[in-house]
Amino acid sequence: MKKQFILLFALFIAVSAVNISFAQSDLKKKDLKAIKSAKKQAKKMKKDGWAVAPGSLPMEKALERSWSMLLATNEQGNKKFIDADGNAVAESKSAADLQALELAKLNIAGQLETQVAALIEASVANQQLSREEAASVTKVVAGSKNMIKNTIGNIDPVYKVYRDVGSKNVEVQLKIFYNYDQAMNGAKKVLRNKLEEETNIIHEKLDNILDLK
């Protein structure tokens, strides 16, 4: 009995070691891909006249971080972060920053709106909602982009670069990331509250169709 226990324990340790080895190998591959992709992108962007603000993280390092987040996955193998780009031209860096960030947030809100709409469609297909209920829900979801954007809050761009446009204007390009699960939960909750106000669908049913625990 004791020998069997020792063998089982040794087998468990061996399997765990193999899993850790595979995980480390996968992580190393992603790190190498991020570094390689960042260098290639930085070279092209510099050639196109882009530069980071003085005192900021070097472009290669900022892009490397961006690529690492793009490649990051959760335990289920799905993307860990939702991402969006923002681009704007203005007479000052601060004005361009604000416009580009708002556009990026709207982009993320649009992606979340699409994901939630897909949940609604699945609920209709599974007959969890009647056609009348589905029509009411779809109407609310279709106009939810700005409402969802307001749940995102403050986000610092992972990278932000500038270049002069003409003699007076400056162009900014930035990229933001947001934890996918956190973003989806925030979007679902604000939509549930809005749906409670504007439809007669019961609370438990809304939680079910929006997959809220």
N, C-alpha and C. Protein backbone atom coordinates (compact mmCIF):
# COMPACT_ATOMS: atom_id res chain seq x y z
N MET A 1 0.82 -1.20 0.00
CA MET A 1 0.00 0.00 0.00
C MET A 1 0.86 1.26 0.00
N LYS A 2 1.91 1.20 0.84
CA LYS A 2 2.81 2.33 0.94
C LYS A 2 3.53 2.56 -0.38
N LYS A 3 3.94 1.45 -1.04
CA LYS A 3 4.63 1.56 -2.33
C LYS A 3 3.71 2.16 -3.39
N GLN A 4 2.43 1.76 -3.36
CA GLN A 4 1.47 2.29 -4.32
C GLN A 4 1.29 3.80 -4.14
N PHE A 5 1.24 4.21 -2.87
CA PHE A 5 1.09 5.63 -2.57
C PHE A 5 2.29 6.41 -3.09
N ILE A 6 3.49 5.85 -2.85
CA ILE A 6 4.72 6.51 -3.31
C ILE A 6 4.75 6.62 -4.82
N LEU A 7 4.33 5.53 -5.51
CA LEU A 7 4.30 5.54 -6.97
C LEU A 7 3.30 6.57 -7.51
N LEU A 8 2.13 6.62 -6.88
CA LEU A 8 1.11 7.58 -7.30
C LEU A 8 1.58 9.02 -7.07
N PHE A 9 2.23 9.23 -5.93
CA PHE A 9 2.74 10.56 -5.61
C PHE A 9 3.83 10.98 -6.60
N ALA A 10 4.71 10.01 -6.94
CA ALA A 10 5.78 10.28 -7.90
C ALA A 10 5.20 10.59 -9.28
N LEU A 11 4.14 9.86 -9.64
CA LEU A 11 3.48 10.09 -10.93
C LEU A 11 2.85 11.48 -10.97
N PHE A 12 2.23 11.87 -9.86
CA PHE A 12 1.61 13.20 -9.76
C PHE A 12 2.66 14.29 -9.93
N ILE A 13 3.80 14.12 -9.25
CA ILE A 13 4.89 15.10 -9.35
C ILE A 13 5.40 15.18 -10.78
N ALA A 14 5.54 14.02 -11.43
CA ALA A 14 6.05 13.98 -12.80
C ALA A 14 5.11 14.70 -13.77
N VAL A 15 3.80 14.42 -13.63
CA VAL A 15 2.81 15.07 -14.49
C VAL A 15 2.79 16.57 -14.26
N SER A 16 2.87 16.97 -13.01
CA SER A 16 2.89 18.40 -12.68
C SER A 16 4.10 19.08 -13.28
N ALA A 17 5.24 18.40 -13.21
CA ALA A 17 6.48 18.96 -13.76
C ALA A 17 6.37 19.13 -15.27
N VAL A 18 5.76 18.14 -15.93
CA VAL A 18 5.57 18.22 -17.39
C VAL A 18 4.66 19.39 -17.75
N ASN A 19 3.55 19.54 -17.00
CA ASN A 19 2.62 20.64 -17.26
C ASN A 19 3.28 22.00 -17.06
N ILE A 20 4.08 22.11 -16.00
CA ILE A 20 4.80 23.35 -15.75
C ILE A 20 5.79 23.63 -16.86
N SER A 21 6.47 22.57 -17.31
CA SER A 21 7.44 22.71 -18.39
C SER A 21 6.78 23.20 -19.67
N PHE A 22 5.62 22.61 -20.00
CA PHE A 22 4.88 23.04 -21.19
C PHE A 22 4.44 24.50 -21.06
N ALA A 23 3.95 24.86 -19.88
CA ALA A 23 3.48 26.23 -19.65
C ALA A 23 4.63 27.23 -19.79
N GLN A 24 5.79 26.87 -19.22
CA GLN A 24 6.95 27.74 -19.32
C GLN A 24 7.43 27.87 -20.75
N SER A 25 7.38 26.75 -21.48
CA SER A 25 7.79 26.75 -22.88
C SER A 25 6.88 27.64 -23.72
N ASP A 26 5.56 27.54 -23.47
CA ASP A 26 4.59 28.35 -24.19
C ASP A 26 4.78 29.83 -23.88
N LEU A 27 5.04 30.13 -22.60
CA LEU A 27 5.27 31.51 -22.18
C LEU A 27 6.52 32.08 -22.84
N LYS A 28 7.57 31.26 -22.91
CA LYS A 28 8.82 31.70 -23.52
C LYS A 28 8.61 31.99 -25.01
N LYS A 29 7.83 31.14 -25.69
CA LYS A 29 7.55 31.35 -27.11
C LYS A 29 6.80 32.66 -27.32
N LYS A 30 5.83 32.94 -26.43
CA LYS A 30 5.06 34.17 -26.54
C LYS A 30 5.94 35.39 -26.29
N ASP A 31 6.86 35.27 -25.31
CA ASP A 31 7.78 36.37 -25.01
C ASP A 31 8.68 36.66 -26.20
N LEU A 32 9.20 35.61 -26.82
CA LEU A 32 10.07 35.78 -27.98
C LEU A 32 9.31 36.38 -29.15
N LYS A 33 8.07 35.95 -29.34
CA LYS A 33 7.25 36.50 -30.42
C LYS A 33 6.95 37.97 -30.17
N ALA A 34 6.69 38.32 -28.91
CA ALA A 34 6.41 39.71 -28.56
C ALA A 34 7.61 40.60 -28.84
N ILE A 35 8.80 40.13 -28.46
CA ILE A 35 10.03 40.90 -28.68
C ILE A 35 10.29 41.09 -30.17
N LYS A 36 10.16 40.01 -30.92
CA LYS A 36 10.41 40.06 -32.36
C LYS A 36 9.41 40.98 -33.06
N SER A 37 8.13 40.84 -32.72
CA SER A 37 7.08 41.66 -33.34
C SER A 37 7.24 43.13 -32.97
N ALA A 38 7.62 43.39 -31.71
CA ALA A 38 7.80 44.77 -31.25
C ALA A 38 8.93 45.47 -31.99
N LYS A 39 10.04 44.78 -32.18
CA LYS A 39 11.18 45.36 -32.89
C LYS A 39 10.81 45.70 -34.33
N LYS A 40 10.09 44.79 -34.97
CA LYS A 40 9.68 44.99 -36.36
C LYS A 40 8.72 46.18 -36.47
N GLN A 41 7.77 46.25 -35.54
CA GLN A 41 6.79 47.33 -35.56
C GLN A 41 7.44 48.67 -35.25
N ALA A 42 8.35 48.69 -34.28
CA ALA A 42 9.03 49.93 -33.90
C ALA A 42 9.86 50.48 -35.06
N LYS A 43 10.52 49.60 -35.77
CA LYS A 43 11.33 50.01 -36.91
C LYS A 43 10.47 50.69 -37.97
N LYS A 44 9.32 50.11 -38.26
CA LYS A 44 8.41 50.68 -39.26
C LYS A 44 7.83 52.01 -38.79
N MET A 45 7.44 52.07 -37.52
CA MET A 45 6.82 53.29 -37.00
C MET A 45 7.81 54.45 -36.98
N LYS A 46 9.05 54.18 -36.61
CA LYS A 46 10.06 55.23 -36.62
C LYS A 46 10.31 55.74 -38.03
N LYS A 47 10.29 54.80 -38.98
CA LYS A 47 10.48 55.16 -40.39
C LYS A 47 9.33 56.05 -40.87
N ASP A 48 8.14 55.83 -40.30
CA ASP A 48 6.97 56.63 -40.67
C ASP A 48 6.87 57.94 -39.90
N GLY A 49 7.88 58.22 -39.07
CA GLY A 49 7.92 59.50 -38.38
C GLY A 49 7.35 59.53 -36.98
N TRP A 50 6.99 58.37 -36.44
CA TRP A 50 6.43 58.32 -35.09
C TRP A 50 7.54 58.35 -34.04
N ALA A 51 7.23 58.96 -32.88
CA ALA A 51 8.17 58.99 -31.76
C ALA A 51 7.38 59.06 -30.45
N VAL A 52 7.98 58.56 -29.38
CA VAL A 52 7.33 58.65 -28.07
C VAL A 52 7.63 60.00 -27.45
N ALA A 53 6.85 60.40 -26.47
CA ALA A 53 7.09 61.66 -25.78
C ALA A 53 8.35 61.55 -24.93
N PRO A 54 9.08 62.66 -24.76
CA PRO A 54 10.29 62.64 -23.92
C PRO A 54 9.98 62.13 -22.51
N GLY A 55 10.84 61.26 -22.01
CA GLY A 55 10.65 60.70 -20.68
C GLY A 55 9.78 59.46 -20.63
N SER A 56 9.17 59.11 -21.77
CA SER A 56 8.32 57.92 -21.82
C SER A 56 9.17 56.66 -22.00
N LEU A 57 8.54 55.52 -21.82
CA LEU A 57 9.19 54.24 -22.06
C LEU A 57 9.63 54.17 -23.52
N PRO A 58 10.84 53.66 -23.80
CA PRO A 58 11.28 53.53 -25.20
C PRO A 58 10.24 52.80 -26.04
N MET A 59 10.13 53.19 -27.31
CA MET A 59 9.10 52.63 -28.17
C MET A 59 9.14 51.11 -28.22
N GLU A 60 10.34 50.54 -28.35
CA GLU A 60 10.46 49.07 -28.44
C GLU A 60 9.88 48.39 -27.20
N LYS A 61 10.18 48.95 -26.02
CA LYS A 61 9.70 48.35 -24.77
C LYS A 61 8.18 48.48 -24.63
N ALA A 62 7.65 49.65 -25.02
CA ALA A 62 6.20 49.85 -24.94
C ALA A 62 5.47 48.91 -25.89
N LEU A 63 6.01 48.75 -27.10
CA LEU A 63 5.40 47.85 -28.07
C LEU A 63 5.54 46.39 -27.65
N GLU A 64 6.65 46.07 -27.00
CA GLU A 64 6.84 44.70 -26.50
C GLU A 64 5.78 44.37 -25.45
N ARG A 65 5.50 45.33 -24.59
CA ARG A 65 4.45 45.14 -23.59
C ARG A 65 3.08 44.97 -24.27
N SER A 66 2.86 45.77 -25.31
CA SER A 66 1.61 45.68 -26.06
C SER A 66 1.43 44.30 -26.68
N TRP A 67 2.49 43.79 -27.31
CA TRP A 67 2.41 42.48 -27.94
C TRP A 67 2.23 41.36 -26.91
N SER A 68 2.86 41.51 -25.75
CA SER A 68 2.70 40.51 -24.69
C SER A 68 1.24 40.42 -24.24
N MET A 69 0.59 41.59 -24.14
CA MET A 69 -0.81 41.61 -23.72
C MET A 69 -1.73 41.10 -24.82
N LEU A 70 -1.36 41.35 -26.07
CA LEU A 70 -2.13 40.82 -27.19
C LEU A 70 -2.11 39.30 -27.22
N LEU A 71 -0.98 38.73 -26.84
CA LEU A 71 -0.80 37.28 -26.89
C LEU A 71 -1.24 36.57 -25.61
N ALA A 72 -1.51 37.34 -24.56
CA ALA A 72 -1.88 36.74 -23.26
C ALA A 72 -3.23 36.03 -23.34
N THR A 73 -3.32 34.88 -22.70
CA THR A 73 -4.56 34.11 -22.66
C THR A 73 -4.90 33.72 -21.22
N ASN A 74 -6.17 33.43 -20.99
CA ASN A 74 -6.59 32.99 -19.66
C ASN A 74 -6.49 31.47 -19.55
N GLU A 75 -6.97 30.91 -18.45
CA GLU A 75 -6.86 29.47 -18.22
C GLU A 75 -7.63 28.64 -19.25
N GLN A 76 -8.65 29.26 -19.87
CA GLN A 76 -9.43 28.55 -20.89
C GLN A 76 -8.83 28.68 -22.28
N GLY A 77 -7.73 29.43 -22.39
CA GLY A 77 -7.09 29.61 -23.68
C GLY A 77 -7.66 30.75 -24.50
N ASN A 78 -8.57 31.54 -23.90
CA ASN A 78 -9.14 32.69 -24.60
C ASN A 78 -8.32 33.94 -24.32
N LYS A 79 -8.49 34.96 -25.16
CA LYS A 79 -7.76 36.21 -24.98
C LYS A 79 -8.05 36.80 -23.60
N LYS A 80 -7.00 37.21 -22.92
CA LYS A 80 -7.16 37.75 -21.58
C LYS A 80 -7.61 39.21 -21.60
N PHE A 81 -7.20 39.92 -22.64
CA PHE A 81 -7.51 41.34 -22.73
C PHE A 81 -8.27 41.67 -24.01
N ILE A 82 -9.13 42.67 -23.90
CA ILE A 82 -9.76 43.25 -25.08
C ILE A 82 -8.97 44.51 -25.39
N ASP A 83 -8.69 44.76 -26.67
CA ASP A 83 -7.82 45.88 -27.02
C ASP A 83 -8.46 46.77 -28.07
N ALA A 84 -7.96 48.00 -28.15
CA ALA A 84 -8.47 48.95 -29.15
C ALA A 84 -7.42 50.01 -29.43
N ASP A 85 -7.43 50.50 -30.66
CA ASP A 85 -6.53 51.58 -31.08
C ASP A 85 -7.28 52.90 -31.13
N GLY A 86 -6.55 53.98 -30.91
CA GLY A 86 -7.12 55.32 -31.05
C GLY A 86 -6.17 56.19 -31.83
N ASN A 87 -6.72 57.01 -32.70
CA ASN A 87 -5.90 57.89 -33.53
C ASN A 87 -6.61 59.23 -33.69
N ALA A 88 -5.87 60.33 -33.55
CA ALA A 88 -6.49 61.65 -33.68
C ALA A 88 -5.45 62.68 -34.09
N VAL A 89 -5.93 63.75 -34.71
CA VAL A 89 -5.08 64.88 -35.10
C VAL A 89 -5.66 66.14 -34.48
N ALA A 90 -4.81 66.94 -33.84
CA ALA A 90 -5.26 68.18 -33.22
C ALA A 90 -4.10 69.18 -33.19
N GLU A 91 -4.39 70.38 -32.71
CA GLU A 91 -3.35 71.40 -32.65
C GLU A 91 -2.43 71.22 -31.46
N SER A 92 -2.85 70.45 -30.47
CA SER A 92 -2.02 70.21 -29.29
C SER A 92 -2.01 68.73 -28.95
N LYS A 93 -0.96 68.30 -28.26
CA LYS A 93 -0.87 66.89 -27.86
C LYS A 93 -2.00 66.51 -26.91
N SER A 94 -2.32 67.41 -25.98
CA SER A 94 -3.35 67.09 -24.99
C SER A 94 -4.71 66.89 -25.64
N ALA A 95 -5.03 67.72 -26.62
CA ALA A 95 -6.32 67.59 -27.33
C ALA A 95 -6.35 66.31 -28.15
N ALA A 96 -5.24 66.01 -28.81
CA ALA A 96 -5.16 64.78 -29.61
C ALA A 96 -5.24 63.55 -28.71
N ASP A 97 -4.57 63.61 -27.55
CA ASP A 97 -4.61 62.51 -26.57
C ASP A 97 -6.05 62.19 -26.17
N LEU A 98 -6.79 63.24 -25.82
CA LEU A 98 -8.16 63.08 -25.34
C LEU A 98 -9.06 62.47 -26.41
N GLN A 99 -8.94 62.99 -27.64
CA GLN A 99 -9.77 62.48 -28.74
C GLN A 99 -9.44 61.02 -29.05
N ALA A 100 -8.15 60.70 -29.11
CA ALA A 100 -7.74 59.33 -29.44
C ALA A 100 -8.18 58.34 -28.36
N LEU A 101 -8.07 58.75 -27.09
CA LEU A 101 -8.47 57.87 -25.99
C LEU A 101 -9.98 57.61 -26.01
N GLU A 102 -10.76 58.66 -26.29
CA GLU A 102 -12.21 58.49 -26.36
C GLU A 102 -12.60 57.56 -27.50
N LEU A 103 -11.92 57.68 -28.63
CA LEU A 103 -12.19 56.79 -29.77
C LEU A 103 -11.87 55.34 -29.43
N ALA A 104 -10.75 55.14 -28.72
CA ALA A 104 -10.36 53.78 -28.32
C ALA A 104 -11.37 53.19 -27.35
N LYS A 105 -11.84 53.99 -26.40
CA LYS A 105 -12.85 53.52 -25.45
C LYS A 105 -14.15 53.15 -26.16
N LEU A 106 -14.54 53.98 -27.14
CA LEU A 106 -15.75 53.69 -27.91
C LEU A 106 -15.59 52.39 -28.71
N ASN A 107 -14.37 52.16 -29.18
CA ASN A 107 -14.07 50.92 -29.91
C ASN A 107 -14.29 49.71 -29.00
N ILE A 108 -13.75 49.79 -27.78
CA ILE A 108 -13.93 48.69 -26.82
C ILE A 108 -15.41 48.51 -26.48
N ALA A 109 -16.11 49.64 -26.27
CA ALA A 109 -17.54 49.56 -25.96
C ALA A 109 -18.30 48.90 -27.11
N GLY A 110 -17.91 49.21 -28.34
CA GLY A 110 -18.55 48.59 -29.50
C GLY A 110 -18.32 47.09 -29.55
N GLN A 111 -17.11 46.68 -29.21
CA GLN A 111 -16.81 45.24 -29.18
C GLN A 111 -17.65 44.53 -28.11
N LEU A 112 -17.77 45.17 -26.95
CA LEU A 112 -18.56 44.58 -25.86
C LEU A 112 -20.04 44.53 -26.23
N GLU A 113 -20.51 45.59 -26.88
CA GLU A 113 -21.90 45.63 -27.33
C GLU A 113 -22.20 44.45 -28.26
N THR A 114 -21.25 44.18 -29.17
CA THR A 114 -21.40 43.06 -30.10
C THR A 114 -21.44 41.73 -29.37
N GLN A 115 -20.57 41.58 -28.35
CA GLN A 115 -20.52 40.33 -27.58
C GLN A 115 -21.83 40.10 -26.82
N VAL A 116 -22.36 41.16 -26.22
CA VAL A 116 -23.61 41.04 -25.47
C VAL A 116 -24.76 40.74 -26.42
N ALA A 117 -24.76 41.37 -27.60
CA ALA A 117 -25.80 41.11 -28.60
C ALA A 117 -25.80 39.64 -29.00
N ALA A 118 -24.61 39.05 -29.07
CA ALA A 118 -24.49 37.62 -29.42
C ALA A 118 -25.12 36.75 -28.33
N LEU A 119 -24.97 37.16 -27.06
CA LEU A 119 -25.60 36.43 -25.95
C LEU A 119 -27.12 36.47 -26.08
N ILE A 120 -27.63 37.64 -26.47
CA ILE A 120 -29.08 37.80 -26.63
C ILE A 120 -29.59 36.90 -27.74
N GLU A 121 -28.87 36.88 -28.86
CA GLU A 121 -29.25 36.03 -29.98
C GLU A 121 -29.28 34.55 -29.58
N ALA A 122 -28.29 34.16 -28.77
CA ALA A 122 -28.24 32.77 -28.30
C ALA A 122 -29.43 32.46 -27.40
N SER A 123 -29.83 33.44 -26.58
CA SER A 123 -30.97 33.24 -25.69
C SER A 123 -32.26 33.06 -26.47
N VAL A 124 -32.39 33.82 -27.57
CA VAL A 124 -33.57 33.68 -28.43
C VAL A 124 -33.56 32.31 -29.09
N ALA A 125 -32.39 31.90 -29.56
CA ALA A 125 -32.26 30.59 -30.22
C ALA A 125 -32.59 29.45 -29.26
N ASN A 126 -32.25 29.64 -27.98
CA ASN A 126 -32.53 28.61 -26.97
C ASN A 126 -33.92 28.76 -26.35
N GLN A 127 -34.68 29.71 -26.91
CA GLN A 127 -36.06 29.97 -26.47
C GLN A 127 -36.14 30.41 -25.01
N GLN A 128 -35.09 31.10 -24.55
CA GLN A 128 -35.12 31.66 -23.20
C GLN A 128 -35.89 32.98 -23.18
N LEU A 129 -36.01 33.60 -24.37
CA LEU A 129 -36.75 34.85 -24.50
C LEU A 129 -37.81 34.71 -25.57
N SER A 130 -38.93 35.36 -25.37
CA SER A 130 -39.93 35.42 -26.42
C SER A 130 -39.47 36.43 -27.47
N ARG A 131 -40.11 36.43 -28.62
CA ARG A 131 -39.75 37.39 -29.66
C ARG A 131 -39.96 38.83 -29.19
N GLU A 132 -41.03 39.06 -28.44
CA GLU A 132 -41.32 40.41 -27.95
C GLU A 132 -40.25 40.85 -26.95
N GLU A 133 -39.89 39.95 -26.05
CA GLU A 133 -38.84 40.27 -25.08
C GLU A 133 -37.51 40.51 -25.79
N ALA A 134 -37.21 39.68 -26.76
CA ALA A 134 -35.96 39.81 -27.51
C ALA A 134 -35.90 41.15 -28.23
N ALA A 135 -37.02 41.59 -28.79
CA ALA A 135 -37.06 42.88 -29.50
C ALA A 135 -36.77 44.03 -28.54
N SER A 136 -37.33 43.97 -27.33
CA SER A 136 -37.10 45.01 -26.32
C SER A 136 -35.64 45.04 -25.88
N VAL A 137 -35.09 43.85 -25.65
CA VAL A 137 -33.69 43.75 -25.21
C VAL A 137 -32.75 44.23 -26.31
N THR A 138 -33.01 43.81 -27.53
CA THR A 138 -32.15 44.20 -28.66
C THR A 138 -32.13 45.71 -28.83
N LYS A 139 -33.28 46.35 -28.63
CA LYS A 139 -33.38 47.81 -28.76
C LYS A 139 -32.48 48.51 -27.74
N VAL A 140 -32.50 48.01 -26.51
CA VAL A 140 -31.67 48.61 -25.46
C VAL A 140 -30.19 48.37 -25.74
N VAL A 141 -29.84 47.14 -26.12
CA VAL A 141 -28.44 46.80 -26.39
C VAL A 141 -27.90 47.61 -27.56
N ALA A 142 -28.73 47.82 -28.59
CA ALA A 142 -28.29 48.54 -29.78
C ALA A 142 -27.89 49.98 -29.49
N GLY A 143 -28.44 50.55 -28.43
CA GLY A 143 -28.09 51.93 -28.09
C GLY A 143 -27.24 52.04 -26.84
N SER A 144 -26.47 51.00 -26.57
CA SER A 144 -25.76 50.93 -25.28
C SER A 144 -24.29 51.31 -25.34
N LYS A 145 -23.77 51.65 -26.52
CA LYS A 145 -22.32 51.84 -26.64
C LYS A 145 -21.79 52.90 -25.68
N ASN A 146 -22.40 54.08 -25.65
CA ASN A 146 -21.92 55.14 -24.76
C ASN A 146 -22.11 54.77 -23.30
N MET A 147 -23.20 54.07 -23.01
CA MET A 147 -23.47 53.62 -21.64
C MET A 147 -22.39 52.64 -21.18
N ILE A 148 -22.01 51.73 -22.07
CA ILE A 148 -20.95 50.77 -21.75
C ILE A 148 -19.61 51.48 -21.60
N LYS A 149 -19.36 52.46 -22.46
CA LYS A 149 -18.09 53.20 -22.41
C LYS A 149 -17.88 53.84 -21.04
N ASN A 150 -18.96 54.31 -20.44
CA ASN A 150 -18.85 54.97 -19.15
C ASN A 150 -18.49 54.01 -18.02
N THR A 151 -18.61 52.70 -18.27
CA THR A 151 -18.23 51.72 -17.24
C THR A 151 -16.73 51.41 -17.28
N ILE A 152 -16.08 51.82 -18.36
CA ILE A 152 -14.67 51.47 -18.55
C ILE A 152 -13.76 52.23 -17.60
N GLY A 153 -14.07 53.50 -17.34
CA GLY A 153 -13.27 54.26 -16.40
C GLY A 153 -11.94 54.71 -16.98
N ASN A 154 -10.99 54.99 -16.10
CA ASN A 154 -9.68 55.48 -16.54
C ASN A 154 -8.79 54.34 -17.02
N ILE A 155 -8.19 54.53 -18.18
CA ILE A 155 -7.26 53.55 -18.73
C ILE A 155 -6.03 54.29 -19.23
N ASP A 156 -4.87 53.82 -18.84
CA ASP A 156 -3.62 54.37 -19.37
C ASP A 156 -3.22 53.59 -20.61
N PRO A 157 -2.96 54.28 -21.72
CA PRO A 157 -2.52 53.58 -22.94
C PRO A 157 -1.25 52.79 -22.69
N VAL A 158 -1.17 51.61 -23.28
CA VAL A 158 0.04 50.79 -23.16
C VAL A 158 1.16 51.42 -23.97
N TYR A 159 0.80 51.99 -25.10
CA TYR A 159 1.78 52.80 -25.83
C TYR A 159 1.07 53.98 -26.47
N LYS A 160 1.85 55.07 -26.65
CA LYS A 160 1.32 56.28 -27.26
C LYS A 160 2.46 56.96 -28.01
N VAL A 161 2.23 57.24 -29.28
CA VAL A 161 3.27 57.84 -30.12
C VAL A 161 2.72 59.06 -30.84
N TYR A 162 3.65 59.95 -31.24
CA TYR A 162 3.26 61.20 -31.88
C TYR A 162 4.07 61.43 -33.16
N ARG A 163 3.48 62.25 -34.03
CA ARG A 163 4.23 62.78 -35.17
C ARG A 163 3.56 64.08 -35.62
N ASP A 164 4.39 64.98 -36.15
CA ASP A 164 3.88 66.26 -36.62
C ASP A 164 3.12 66.09 -37.93
N VAL A 165 2.04 66.85 -38.07
CA VAL A 165 1.24 66.85 -39.29
C VAL A 165 1.14 68.30 -39.77
N GLY A 166 1.81 68.61 -40.87
CA GLY A 166 1.85 69.99 -41.33
C GLY A 166 2.67 70.85 -40.40
N SER A 167 2.35 72.13 -40.34
CA SER A 167 3.14 73.05 -39.52
C SER A 167 2.53 73.31 -38.15
N LYS A 168 1.25 72.95 -37.97
CA LYS A 168 0.58 73.29 -36.72
C LYS A 168 0.02 72.10 -35.94
N ASN A 169 -0.28 71.03 -36.62
CA ASN A 169 -0.98 69.92 -35.98
C ASN A 169 -0.07 68.78 -35.55
N VAL A 170 -0.56 68.00 -34.62
CA VAL A 170 0.15 66.81 -34.17
C VAL A 170 -0.82 65.63 -34.22
N GLU A 171 -0.31 64.48 -34.62
CA GLU A 171 -1.12 63.27 -34.68
C GLU A 171 -0.67 62.32 -33.57
N VAL A 172 -1.63 61.70 -32.91
CA VAL A 172 -1.32 60.74 -31.86
C VAL A 172 -1.93 59.39 -32.21
N GLN A 173 -1.20 58.35 -31.89
CA GLN A 173 -1.69 56.98 -32.05
C GLN A 173 -1.45 56.26 -30.73
N LEU A 174 -2.46 55.59 -30.24
CA LEU A 174 -2.32 54.89 -28.95
C LEU A 174 -3.06 53.57 -28.97
N LYS A 175 -2.74 52.73 -27.99
CA LYS A 175 -3.41 51.43 -27.85
C LYS A 175 -3.73 51.20 -26.39
N ILE A 176 -4.96 50.76 -26.14
CA ILE A 176 -5.37 50.47 -24.77
C ILE A 176 -5.81 49.02 -24.64
N PHE A 177 -5.72 48.52 -23.42
CA PHE A 177 -6.14 47.14 -23.11
C PHE A 177 -7.03 47.17 -21.88
N TYR A 178 -7.96 46.23 -21.83
CA TYR A 178 -8.85 46.11 -20.67
C TYR A 178 -9.11 44.63 -20.43
N ASN A 179 -9.05 44.22 -19.19
CA ASN A 179 -9.30 42.82 -18.86
C ASN A 179 -10.67 42.40 -19.40
N TYR A 180 -10.69 41.36 -20.22
CA TYR A 180 -11.92 40.97 -20.92
C TYR A 180 -13.06 40.61 -19.96
N ASP A 181 -12.77 39.75 -18.97
CA ASP A 181 -13.81 39.32 -18.04
C ASP A 181 -14.38 40.49 -17.25
N GLN A 182 -13.48 41.37 -16.80
CA GLN A 182 -13.91 42.54 -16.04
C GLN A 182 -14.77 43.46 -16.90
N ALA A 183 -14.34 43.67 -18.16
CA ALA A 183 -15.08 44.53 -19.07
C ALA A 183 -16.47 43.97 -19.37
N MET A 184 -16.54 42.66 -19.64
CA MET A 184 -17.83 42.04 -19.96
C MET A 184 -18.79 42.09 -18.77
N ASN A 185 -18.28 41.83 -17.57
CA ASN A 185 -19.13 41.87 -16.39
C ASN A 185 -19.68 43.27 -16.15
N GLY A 186 -18.83 44.28 -16.35
CA GLY A 186 -19.28 45.66 -16.20
C GLY A 186 -20.36 46.01 -17.20
N ALA A 187 -20.15 45.60 -18.46
CA ALA A 187 -21.13 45.87 -19.52
C ALA A 187 -22.45 45.16 -19.24
N LYS A 188 -22.38 43.91 -18.80
CA LYS A 188 -23.60 43.14 -18.52
C LYS A 188 -24.41 43.76 -17.38
N LYS A 189 -23.71 44.21 -16.34
CA LYS A 189 -24.41 44.75 -15.18
C LYS A 189 -25.11 46.06 -15.49
N VAL A 190 -24.44 46.93 -16.25
CA VAL A 190 -25.08 48.21 -16.59
C VAL A 190 -26.26 47.98 -17.53
N LEU A 191 -26.15 46.98 -18.40
CA LEU A 191 -27.25 46.66 -19.30
C LEU A 191 -28.42 46.02 -18.54
N ARG A 192 -28.09 45.17 -17.57
CA ARG A 192 -29.16 44.57 -16.77
C ARG A 192 -29.97 45.65 -16.05
N ASN A 193 -29.28 46.64 -15.47
CA ASN A 193 -29.97 47.72 -14.78
C ASN A 193 -30.87 48.51 -15.74
N LYS A 194 -30.35 48.76 -16.94
CA LYS A 194 -31.14 49.49 -17.94
C LYS A 194 -32.34 48.67 -18.40
N LEU A 195 -32.14 47.38 -18.57
CA LEU A 195 -33.23 46.50 -19.01
C LEU A 195 -34.31 46.37 -17.93
N GLU A 196 -33.90 46.40 -16.67
CA GLU A 196 -34.88 46.36 -15.58
C GLU A 196 -35.77 47.60 -15.61
N GLU A 197 -35.18 48.73 -16.02
CA GLU A 197 -35.93 49.98 -16.08
C GLU A 197 -36.90 50.01 -17.27
N GLU A 198 -36.48 49.43 -18.39
CA GLU A 198 -37.21 49.62 -19.64
C GLU A 198 -37.97 48.39 -20.14
N THR A 199 -37.87 47.27 -19.45
CA THR A 199 -38.62 46.07 -19.87
C THR A 199 -39.33 45.46 -18.67
N ASN A 200 -40.17 44.50 -18.94
CA ASN A 200 -40.89 43.79 -17.87
C ASN A 200 -40.29 42.42 -17.58
N ILE A 201 -39.09 42.19 -18.09
CA ILE A 201 -38.44 40.90 -17.89
C ILE A 201 -37.97 40.79 -16.44
N ILE A 202 -38.23 39.68 -15.80
CA ILE A 202 -37.88 39.52 -14.39
C ILE A 202 -36.37 39.47 -14.20
N HIS A 203 -35.96 39.86 -12.99
CA HIS A 203 -34.54 39.97 -12.63
C HIS A 203 -33.78 38.67 -12.89
N GLU A 204 -34.34 37.55 -12.44
CA GLU A 204 -33.66 36.26 -12.58
C GLU A 204 -33.46 35.88 -14.04
N LYS A 205 -34.42 36.22 -14.86
CA LYS A 205 -34.33 35.90 -16.28
C LYS A 205 -33.25 36.74 -16.96
N LEU A 206 -33.14 38.00 -16.55
CA LEU A 206 -32.09 38.87 -17.10
C LEU A 206 -30.71 38.34 -16.72
N ASP A 207 -30.56 37.92 -15.47
CA ASP A 207 -29.28 37.35 -15.03
C ASP A 207 -28.93 36.12 -15.85
N ASN A 208 -29.94 35.33 -16.17
CA ASN A 208 -29.73 34.10 -16.92
C ASN A 208 -29.31 34.38 -18.35
N ILE A 209 -30.01 35.27 -19.04
CA ILE A 209 -29.68 35.54 -20.45
C ILE A 209 -28.36 36.28 -20.59
N LEU A 210 -27.99 37.05 -19.57
CA LEU A 210 -26.72 37.77 -19.61
C LEU A 210 -25.58 36.99 -18.96
N ASP A 211 -25.90 35.78 -18.50
CA ASP A 211 -24.90 34.91 -17.88
C ASP A 211 -24.23 35.59 -16.69
N LEU A 212 -25.05 36.23 -15.87
CA LEU A 212 -24.55 36.88 -14.66
C LEU A 212 -24.79 35.98 -13.47
N LYS A 213 -23.73 35.77 -12.69
CA LYS A 213 -23.84 34.89 -11.52
C LYS A 213 -24.32 35.67 -10.31
